[in-house]
Protein backbone atom coordinates (compact mmCIF):
# COMPACT_ATOMS: atom_id res chain seq x y z
CA MET A 1 42.60 -59.90 -51.55
CA SER A 2 42.61 -60.92 -54.97
CA GLU A 3 46.14 -59.26 -56.17
CA CYS A 4 48.23 -60.48 -52.99
CA ILE A 5 50.29 -62.88 -54.03
CA PHE A 6 50.19 -65.06 -50.68
CA CYS A 7 46.39 -65.00 -50.37
CA ARG A 8 46.28 -66.79 -53.76
CA ILE A 9 48.83 -69.02 -52.59
CA VAL A 10 46.67 -69.70 -49.66
CA ALA A 11 43.50 -69.73 -51.70
CA GLY A 12 44.84 -72.61 -53.76
CA ASP A 13 45.12 -70.58 -56.82
CA PHE A 14 48.56 -72.26 -57.56
CA SER A 15 49.74 -75.43 -57.36
CA THR A 16 52.11 -74.65 -54.17
CA ASN A 17 53.41 -77.53 -52.34
CA PHE A 18 53.07 -76.91 -48.68
CA VAL A 19 55.66 -78.01 -46.50
CA ALA A 20 53.48 -77.75 -43.29
CA GLU A 21 49.93 -76.48 -42.51
CA SER A 22 48.25 -75.21 -38.76
CA GLU A 23 44.96 -73.84 -38.18
CA HIS A 24 45.85 -69.91 -39.09
CA ALA A 25 48.93 -70.65 -41.43
CA VAL A 26 50.97 -72.44 -44.09
CA ALA A 27 54.53 -72.85 -44.80
CA PHE A 28 56.18 -73.24 -48.25
CA ASN A 29 59.73 -73.21 -49.77
CA ASP A 30 60.57 -69.91 -51.07
CA ILE A 31 60.92 -69.43 -54.87
CA GLU A 32 64.19 -67.80 -54.61
CA PRO A 33 66.16 -69.45 -51.50
CA ALA A 34 69.06 -66.97 -50.05
CA GLN A 35 70.13 -70.48 -47.98
CA PRO A 36 69.95 -73.98 -48.26
CA VAL A 37 66.96 -73.71 -46.33
CA HIS A 38 64.86 -70.97 -47.10
CA VAL A 39 60.99 -71.59 -45.95
CA LEU A 40 58.13 -69.12 -45.72
CA VAL A 41 55.81 -69.23 -43.14
CA VAL A 42 52.26 -66.97 -43.96
CA PRO A 43 49.03 -66.35 -42.13
CA LYS A 44 45.75 -67.80 -44.04
CA THR A 45 44.08 -64.06 -43.33
CA HIS A 46 45.48 -61.34 -44.76
CA PHE A 47 47.78 -58.90 -42.35
CA THR A 48 49.96 -55.99 -44.27
CA ASP A 49 53.02 -56.90 -42.20
CA VAL A 50 53.93 -58.84 -38.30
CA ALA A 51 53.30 -55.35 -36.54
CA ASP A 52 49.73 -55.49 -38.24
CA LEU A 53 49.31 -59.14 -37.37
CA ALA A 54 50.63 -58.63 -33.83
CA ALA A 55 48.50 -55.40 -33.04
CA LYS A 56 45.37 -57.07 -34.62
CA ASN A 57 45.48 -60.96 -33.90
CA GLU A 58 47.74 -62.42 -31.09
CA GLU A 59 46.24 -65.75 -31.49
CA VAL A 60 47.20 -66.31 -35.46
CA LEU A 61 50.84 -64.69 -34.35
CA LEU A 62 51.37 -67.55 -31.94
CA ASP A 63 50.11 -69.95 -34.53
CA LEU A 64 52.56 -68.43 -37.23
CA ILE A 65 55.67 -68.47 -34.96
CA LYS A 66 54.94 -72.41 -33.57
CA LEU A 67 54.20 -73.19 -37.22
CA GLY A 68 57.61 -71.68 -38.09
CA THR A 69 59.72 -73.28 -35.07
CA ARG A 70 58.14 -76.78 -35.78
CA VAL A 71 59.21 -76.56 -39.49
CA ALA A 72 62.76 -75.17 -38.63
CA ALA A 73 62.96 -78.13 -36.36
CA GLU A 74 61.99 -80.75 -39.49
CA GLN A 75 64.24 -79.07 -41.78
CA THR A 76 67.41 -77.94 -39.97
CA ALA A 77 70.08 -78.91 -38.06
CA GLY A 78 68.97 -76.80 -35.09
CA ASP A 79 70.70 -73.58 -36.53
CA PHE A 80 68.17 -71.25 -38.12
CA ARG A 81 66.60 -67.70 -38.26
CA LEU A 82 63.00 -66.81 -38.34
CA GLN A 83 62.74 -63.09 -39.53
CA PHE A 84 60.15 -60.68 -40.46
CA ASN A 85 60.80 -57.77 -42.42
CA THR A 86 58.52 -55.05 -41.79
CA GLY A 87 58.11 -52.25 -44.49
CA ALA A 88 60.08 -51.97 -48.08
CA GLY A 89 62.91 -49.97 -45.93
CA ALA A 90 63.13 -53.45 -44.14
CA GLY A 91 63.10 -55.43 -47.68
CA GLN A 92 59.58 -56.75 -47.36
CA THR A 93 58.30 -56.85 -50.87
CA VAL A 94 55.42 -58.90 -50.56
CA PHE A 95 52.88 -56.60 -48.22
CA HIS A 96 50.92 -59.91 -46.71
CA ALA A 97 52.76 -60.75 -43.25
CA HIS A 98 55.11 -63.72 -43.43
CA GLY A 99 58.28 -64.70 -41.78
CA HIS A 100 61.50 -66.44 -43.54
CA ILE A 101 62.95 -69.68 -41.94
CA THR A 102 66.49 -69.78 -43.27
CA SER A 103 69.29 -71.89 -42.41
CA ARG A 104 72.81 -72.82 -44.04
CA SER A 105 72.30 -76.12 -41.99
CA PRO A 106 69.86 -78.20 -43.25
CA LYS A 107 69.15 -81.54 -41.37
CA ALA A 108 71.02 -84.53 -42.48
């Protein structure tokens, strides 16, 4: 999906610094953070949203969740949110499945 920004990030088209990576997912800082910690976790394969991902590939979904919780443990004081927006009405603006790890409490 050459027009998908997250597919292009995963492909290395930009100099995005991954904060973590797993077999099926990558994590990187949001360019417009809403909290002191705001990291995106993105599957390496294109899925429209988390519902599409859950319906089509449970292995990738589990890997994505595990990566997100690992990043949250590394970057936060333990209080965090892992949120998936599904559809424009829910606030999804990039239509490639992704989770937002946010926290007001970065790890000291």
